[in-house]
Amino acid sequence: MPQLDTSTWLTMILSMFLVLFIIFQLKISKHNFYHNPELVTTKTPKQNTPWETKWTKIYLPLSLPL
């Protein structure tokens, strides 16, 4: 059984990483990014709930003196 020649593996692996790096750089360089993104403020509408205007028993213990 012949011996496996591994002398070129390092060259192949390094060249593969170099080629992958170049390909990714080219793909990223063609991508369009926004230059100045600005935040858009959105206003949420106020919803009137029935318990906001009514006095309920849950407020009673807080208002009693100790």
PDB file of N, CA and C in Angstrom:
ATOM      1  N   MET A   1       0.848  -1.185   0.000  1.00  0.00           N
ATOM      2  CA  MET A   1       0.000   0.000   0.000  1.00  0.00           C
ATOM      3  C   MET A   1       0.889   1.242   0.000  1.00  0.00           C
ATOM      4  N   PRO A   2       0.656   2.151  -0.937  1.00  0.00           N
ATOM      5  CA  PRO A   2       1.556   3.316  -1.029  1.00  0.00           C
ATOM      6  C   PRO A   2       1.308   4.324   0.097  1.00  0.00           C
ATOM      7  N   GLN A   3       2.325   5.085   0.386  1.00  0.00           N
ATOM      8  CA  GLN A   3       2.257   6.126   1.410  1.00  0.00           C
ATOM      9  C   GLN A   3       1.473   7.318   0.855  1.00  0.00           C
ATOM     10  N   LEU A   4       0.627   7.924   1.697  1.00  0.00           N
ATOM     11  CA  LEU A   4      -0.154   9.083   1.277  1.00  0.00           C
ATOM     12  C   LEU A   4       0.737  10.317   1.315  1.00  0.00           C
ATOM     13  N   ASP A   5       0.807  11.010   0.208  1.00  0.00           N
ATOM     14  CA  ASP A   5       1.662  12.190   0.110  1.00  0.00           C
ATOM     15  C   ASP A   5       0.889  13.413   0.618  1.00  0.00           C
ATOM     16  N   THR A   6       1.314  13.957   1.754  1.00  0.00           N
ATOM     17  CA  THR A   6       0.620  15.099   2.354  1.00  0.00           C
ATOM     18  C   THR A   6       1.429  16.384   2.232  1.00  0.00           C
ATOM     19  N   SER A   7       2.398  16.412   1.389  1.00  0.00           N
ATOM     20  CA  SER A   7       3.267  17.587   1.305  1.00  0.00           C
ATOM     21  C   SER A   7       2.562  18.792   0.685  1.00  0.00           C
ATOM     22  N   THR A   8       1.555  18.569  -0.127  1.00  0.00           N
ATOM     23  CA  THR A   8       0.885  19.698  -0.790  1.00  0.00           C
ATOM     24  C   THR A   8      -0.380  20.144  -0.053  1.00  0.00           C
ATOM     25  N   TRP A   9      -0.727  19.483   1.034  1.00  0.00           N
ATOM     26  CA  TRP A   9      -1.955  19.820   1.735  1.00  0.00           C
ATOM     27  C   TRP A   9      -1.931  21.242   2.286  1.00  0.00           C
ATOM     28  N   LEU A  10      -0.832  21.648   2.854  1.00  0.00           N
ATOM     29  CA  LEU A  10      -0.755  23.000   3.419  1.00  0.00           C
ATOM     30  C   LEU A  10      -0.959  24.057   2.336  1.00  0.00           C
ATOM     31  N   THR A  11      -0.337  23.849   1.196  1.00  0.00           N
ATOM     32  CA  THR A  11      -0.497  24.795   0.081  1.00  0.00           C
ATOM     33  C   THR A  11      -1.940  24.848  -0.392  1.00  0.00           C
ATOM     34  N   MET A  12      -2.570  23.711  -0.486  1.00  0.00           N
ATOM     35  CA  MET A  12      -3.958  23.670  -0.948  1.00  0.00           C
ATOM     36  C   MET A  12      -4.902  24.339   0.056  1.00  0.00           C
ATOM     37  N   ILE A  13      -4.680  24.083   1.318  1.00  0.00           N
ATOM     38  CA  ILE A  13      -5.552  24.670   2.346  1.00  0.00           C
ATOM     39  C   ILE A  13      -5.374  26.179   2.400  1.00  0.00           C
ATOM     40  N   LEU A  14      -4.152  26.645   2.357  1.00  0.00           N
ATOM     41  CA  LEU A  14      -3.917  28.091   2.386  1.00  0.00           C
ATOM     42  C   LEU A  14      -4.456  28.774   1.134  1.00  0.00           C
ATOM     43  N   SER A  15      -4.293  28.161  -0.006  1.00  0.00           N
ATOM     44  CA  SER A  15      -4.839  28.763  -1.230  1.00  0.00           C
ATOM     45  C   SER A  15      -6.366  28.766  -1.211  1.00  0.00           C
ATOM     46  N   MET A  16      -6.971  27.727  -0.615  1.00  0.00           N
ATOM     47  CA  MET A  16      -8.425  27.692  -0.505  1.00  0.00           C
ATOM     48  C   MET A  16      -8.925  28.838   0.368  1.00  0.00           C
ATOM     49  N   PHE A  17      -8.249  29.073   1.509  1.00  0.00           N
ATOM     50  CA  PHE A  17      -8.648  30.183   2.375  1.00  0.00           C
ATOM     51  C   PHE A  17      -8.472  31.526   1.683  1.00  0.00           C
ATOM     52  N   LEU A  18      -7.432  31.665   0.926  1.00  0.00           N
ATOM     53  CA  LEU A  18      -7.196  32.914   0.206  1.00  0.00           C
ATOM     54  C   LEU A  18      -8.289  33.151  -0.838  1.00  0.00           C
ATOM     55  N   VAL A  19      -8.623  32.123  -1.574  1.00  0.00           N
ATOM     56  CA  VAL A  19      -9.669  32.255  -2.597  1.00  0.00           C
ATOM     57  C   VAL A  19     -11.022  32.548  -1.951  1.00  0.00           C
ATOM     58  N   LEU A  20     -11.334  31.875  -0.850  1.00  0.00           N
ATOM     59  CA  LEU A  20     -12.600  32.146  -0.168  1.00  0.00           C
ATOM     60  C   LEU A  20     -12.655  33.572   0.370  1.00  0.00           C
ATOM     61  N   PHE A  21     -11.549  34.036   0.895  1.00  0.00           N
ATOM     62  CA  PHE A  21     -11.499  35.410   1.388  1.00  0.00           C
ATOM     63  C   PHE A  21     -11.735  36.402   0.251  1.00  0.00           C
ATOM     64  N   ILE A  22     -11.111  36.175  -0.862  1.00  0.00           N
ATOM     65  CA  ILE A  22     -11.280  37.076  -2.012  1.00  0.00           C
ATOM     66  C   ILE A  22     -12.716  37.039  -2.521  1.00  0.00           C
ATOM     67  N   ILE A  23     -13.302  35.865  -2.588  1.00  0.00           N
ATOM     68  CA  ILE A  23     -14.690  35.754  -3.071  1.00  0.00           C
ATOM     69  C   ILE A  23     -15.645  36.494  -2.136  1.00  0.00           C
ATOM     70  N   PHE A  24     -15.460  36.323  -0.827  1.00  0.00           N
ATOM     71  CA  PHE A  24     -16.337  37.014   0.114  1.00  0.00           C
ATOM     72  C   PHE A  24     -16.134  38.526   0.069  1.00  0.00           C
ATOM     73  N   GLN A  25     -14.909  38.952  -0.115  1.00  0.00           N
ATOM     74  CA  GLN A  25     -14.667  40.389  -0.223  1.00  0.00           C
ATOM     75  C   GLN A  25     -15.344  40.959  -1.461  1.00  0.00           C
ATOM     76  N   LEU A  26     -15.303  40.244  -2.541  1.00  0.00           N
ATOM     77  CA  LEU A  26     -15.959  40.726  -3.763  1.00  0.00           C
ATOM     78  C   LEU A  26     -17.476  40.752  -3.605  1.00  0.00           C
ATOM     79  N   LYS A  27     -18.031  39.756  -2.938  1.00  0.00           N
ATOM     80  CA  LYS A  27     -19.482  39.748  -2.742  1.00  0.00           C
ATOM     81  C   LYS A  27     -19.917  40.871  -1.804  1.00  0.00           C
ATOM     82  N   ILE A  28     -19.143  41.117  -0.775  1.00  0.00           N
ATOM     83  CA  ILE A  28     -19.497  42.170   0.171  1.00  0.00           C
ATOM     84  C   ILE A  28     -19.328  43.549  -0.464  1.00  0.00           C
ATOM     85  N   SER A  29     -18.328  43.699  -1.309  1.00  0.00           N
ATOM     86  CA  SER A  29     -18.091  45.013  -1.919  1.00  0.00           C
ATOM     87  C   SER A  29     -19.195  45.394  -2.901  1.00  0.00           C
ATOM     88  N   LYS A  30     -19.905  44.433  -3.446  1.00  0.00           N
ATOM     89  CA  LYS A  30     -20.994  44.734  -4.379  1.00  0.00           C
ATOM     90  C   LYS A  30     -22.324  44.965  -3.674  1.00  0.00           C
ATOM     91  N   HIS A  31     -22.342  44.751  -2.372  1.00  0.00           N
ATOM     92  CA  HIS A  31     -23.578  44.927  -1.619  1.00  0.00           C
ATOM     93  C   HIS A  31     -23.807  46.406  -1.325  1.00  0.00           C
ATOM     94  N   ASN A  32     -25.046  46.852  -1.475  1.00  0.00           N
ATOM     95  CA  ASN A  32     -25.382  48.251  -1.216  1.00  0.00           C
ATOM     96  C   ASN A  32     -25.827  48.424   0.223  1.00  0.00           C
ATOM     97  N   PHE A  33     -25.104  49.257   0.940  1.00  0.00           N
ATOM     98  CA  PHE A  33     -25.466  49.565   2.315  1.00  0.00           C
ATOM     99  C   PHE A  33     -26.054  50.968   2.365  1.00  0.00           C
ATOM    100  N   TYR A  34     -26.952  51.192   3.333  1.00  0.00           N
ATOM    101  CA  TYR A  34     -27.489  52.533   3.522  1.00  0.00           C
ATOM    102  C   TYR A  34     -26.422  53.394   4.205  1.00  0.00           C
ATOM    103  N   HIS A  35     -26.286  54.623   3.719  1.00  0.00           N
ATOM    104  CA  HIS A  35     -25.236  55.480   4.270  1.00  0.00           C
ATOM    105  C   HIS A  35     -25.604  56.056   5.628  1.00  0.00           C
ATOM    106  N   ASN A  36     -26.799  56.617   5.732  1.00  0.00           N
ATOM    107  CA  ASN A  36     -27.223  57.249   6.976  1.00  0.00           C
ATOM    108  C   ASN A  36     -28.598  56.734   7.393  1.00  0.00           C
ATOM    109  N   PRO A  37     -28.658  55.647   8.106  1.00  0.00           N
ATOM    110  CA  PRO A  37     -29.981  55.205   8.532  1.00  0.00           C
ATOM    111  C   PRO A  37     -30.523  56.109   9.635  1.00  0.00           C
ATOM    112  N   GLU A  38     -31.771  56.463   9.529  1.00  0.00           N
ATOM    113  CA  GLU A  38     -32.392  57.331  10.523  1.00  0.00           C
ATOM    114  C   GLU A  38     -33.545  56.594  11.183  1.00  0.00           C
ATOM    115  N   LEU A  39     -33.710  56.858  12.456  1.00  0.00           N
ATOM    116  CA  LEU A  39     -34.786  56.231  13.200  1.00  0.00           C
ATOM    117  C   LEU A  39     -36.116  56.911  12.872  1.00  0.00           C
ATOM    118  N   VAL A  40     -37.121  56.101  12.707  1.00  0.00           N
ATOM    119  CA  VAL A  40     -38.457  56.622  12.451  1.00  0.00           C
ATOM    120  C   VAL A  40     -39.259  56.458  13.740  1.00  0.00           C
ATOM    121  N   THR A  41     -39.739  57.562  14.258  1.00  0.00           N
ATOM    122  CA  THR A  41     -40.508  57.481  15.494  1.00  0.00           C
ATOM    123  C   THR A  41     -41.959  57.169  15.155  1.00  0.00           C
ATOM    124  N   THR A  42     -42.482  56.199  15.813  1.00  0.00           N
ATOM    125  CA  THR A  42     -43.879  55.827  15.591  1.00  0.00           C
ATOM    126  C   THR A  42     -44.663  56.144  16.858  1.00  0.00           C
ATOM    127  N   LYS A  43     -45.821  56.709  16.679  1.00  0.00           N
ATOM    128  CA  LYS A  43     -46.673  57.046  17.805  1.00  0.00           C
ATOM    129  C   LYS A  43     -47.729  55.968  17.965  1.00  0.00           C
ATOM    130  N   THR A  44     -47.805  55.455  19.160  1.00  0.00           N
ATOM    131  CA  THR A  44     -48.837  54.450  19.425  1.00  0.00           C
ATOM    132  C   THR A  44     -50.101  55.164  19.883  1.00  0.00           C
ATOM    133  N   PRO A  45     -51.221  54.774  19.340  1.00  0.00           N
ATOM    134  CA  PRO A  45     -52.469  55.432  19.750  1.00  0.00           C
ATOM    135  C   PRO A  45     -52.836  55.044  21.175  1.00  0.00           C
ATOM    136  N   LYS A  46     -53.346  56.025  21.913  1.00  0.00           N
ATOM    137  CA  LYS A  46     -53.741  55.779  23.299  1.00  0.00           C
ATOM    138  C   LYS A  46     -55.078  55.069  23.306  1.00  0.00           C
ATOM    139  N   GLN A  47     -55.084  53.946  24.002  1.00  0.00           N
ATOM    140  CA  GLN A  47     -56.325  53.182  24.096  1.00  0.00           C
ATOM    141  C   GLN A  47     -56.957  53.442  25.460  1.00  0.00           C
ATOM    142  N   ASN A  48     -58.195  53.817  25.424  1.00  0.00           N
ATOM    143  CA  ASN A  48     -58.920  54.054  26.669  1.00  0.00           C
ATOM    144  C   ASN A  48     -59.471  52.738  27.200  1.00  0.00           C
ATOM    145  N   THR A  49     -59.051  52.427  28.395  1.00  0.00           N
ATOM    146  CA  THR A  49     -59.547  51.214  29.031  1.00  0.00           C
ATOM    147  C   THR A  49     -60.512  51.603  30.133  1.00  0.00           C
ATOM    148  N   PRO A  50     -61.461  50.743  30.448  1.00  0.00           N
ATOM    149  CA  PRO A  50     -62.485  51.117  31.441  1.00  0.00           C
ATOM    150  C   PRO A  50     -61.911  51.366  32.829  1.00  0.00           C
ATOM    151  N   TRP A  51     -60.820  50.688  33.206  1.00  0.00           N
ATOM    152  CA  TRP A  51     -60.313  50.840  34.563  1.00  0.00           C
ATOM    153  C   TRP A  51     -59.434  52.066  34.743  1.00  0.00           C
ATOM    154  N   GLU A  52     -59.155  52.794  33.687  1.00  0.00           N
ATOM    155  CA  GLU A  52     -58.351  54.008  33.841  1.00  0.00           C
ATOM    156  C   GLU A  52     -59.167  55.148  34.450  1.00  0.00           C
ATOM    157  N   THR A  53     -60.431  55.190  34.185  1.00  0.00           N
ATOM    158  CA  THR A  53     -61.246  56.303  34.673  1.00  0.00           C
ATOM    159  C   THR A  53     -62.051  55.949  35.910  1.00  0.00           C
ATOM    160  N   LYS A  54     -62.067  54.694  36.308  1.00  0.00           N
ATOM    161  CA  LYS A  54     -62.887  54.272  37.440  1.00  0.00           C
ATOM    162  C   LYS A  54     -62.032  54.071  38.680  1.00  0.00           C
ATOM    163  N   TRP A  55     -62.621  54.335  39.813  1.00  0.00           N
ATOM    164  CA  TRP A  55     -61.968  54.051  41.082  1.00  0.00           C
ATOM    165  C   TRP A  55     -62.279  52.621  41.445  1.00  0.00           C
ATOM    166  N   THR A  56     -61.264  51.842  41.738  1.00  0.00           N
ATOM    167  CA  THR A  56     -61.489  50.436  42.078  1.00  0.00           C
ATOM    168  C   THR A  56     -60.962  50.145  43.465  1.00  0.00           C
ATOM    169  N   LYS A  57     -61.296  48.989  43.982  1.00  0.00           N
ATOM    170  CA  LYS A  57     -60.922  48.617  45.338  1.00  0.00           C
ATOM    171  C   LYS A  57     -59.427  48.354  45.495  1.00  0.00           C
ATOM    172  N   ILE A  58     -58.724  48.180  44.423  1.00  0.00           N
ATOM    173  CA  ILE A  58     -57.300  47.896  44.581  1.00  0.00           C
ATOM    174  C   ILE A  58     -56.526  49.129  45.046  1.00  0.00           C
ATOM    175  N   TYR A  59     -57.115  50.333  44.898  1.00  0.00           N
ATOM    176  CA  TYR A  59     -56.442  51.532  45.371  1.00  0.00           C
ATOM    177  C   TYR A  59     -56.690  51.795  46.864  1.00  0.00           C
ATOM    178  N   LEU A  60     -57.656  51.137  47.421  1.00  0.00           N
ATOM    179  CA  LEU A  60     -58.033  51.402  48.791  1.00  0.00           C
ATOM    180  C   LEU A  60     -56.952  51.084  49.812  1.00  0.00           C
ATOM    181  N   PRO A  61     -56.269  49.946  49.772  1.00  0.00           N
ATOM    182  CA  PRO A  61     -55.250  49.672  50.794  1.00  0.00           C
ATOM    183  C   PRO A  61     -54.071  50.641  50.764  1.00  0.00           C
ATOM    184  N   LEU A  62     -53.783  51.200  49.622  1.00  0.00           N
ATOM    185  CA  LEU A  62     -52.659  52.134  49.540  1.00  0.00           C
ATOM    186  C   LEU A  62     -52.995  53.485  50.146  1.00  0.00           C
ATOM    187  N   SER A  63     -54.268  53.856  50.137  1.00  0.00           N
ATOM    188  CA  SER A  63     -54.639  55.175  50.639  1.00  0.00           C
ATOM    189  C   SER A  63     -55.001  55.182  52.128  1.00  0.00           C
ATOM    190  N   LEU A  64     -55.089  53.998  52.744  1.00  0.00           N
ATOM    191  CA  LEU A  64     -55.412  53.952  54.167  1.00  0.00           C
ATOM    192  C   LEU A  64     -54.201  54.313  55.023  1.00  0.00           C
ATOM    193  N   PRO A  65     -54.419  55.010  56.150  1.00  0.00           N
ATOM    194  CA  PRO A  65     -53.294  55.291  57.034  1.00  0.00           C
ATOM    195  C   PRO A  65     -52.835  54.016  57.774  1.00  0.00           C
ATOM    196  N   LEU A  66     -51.581  53.994  58.133  1.00  0.00           N
ATOM    197  CA  LEU A  66     -51.059  52.803  58.838  1.00  0.00           C
ATOM    198  C   LEU A  66     -51.342  52.833  60.299  1.00  0.00           C
TER     199      LEU A  66
END
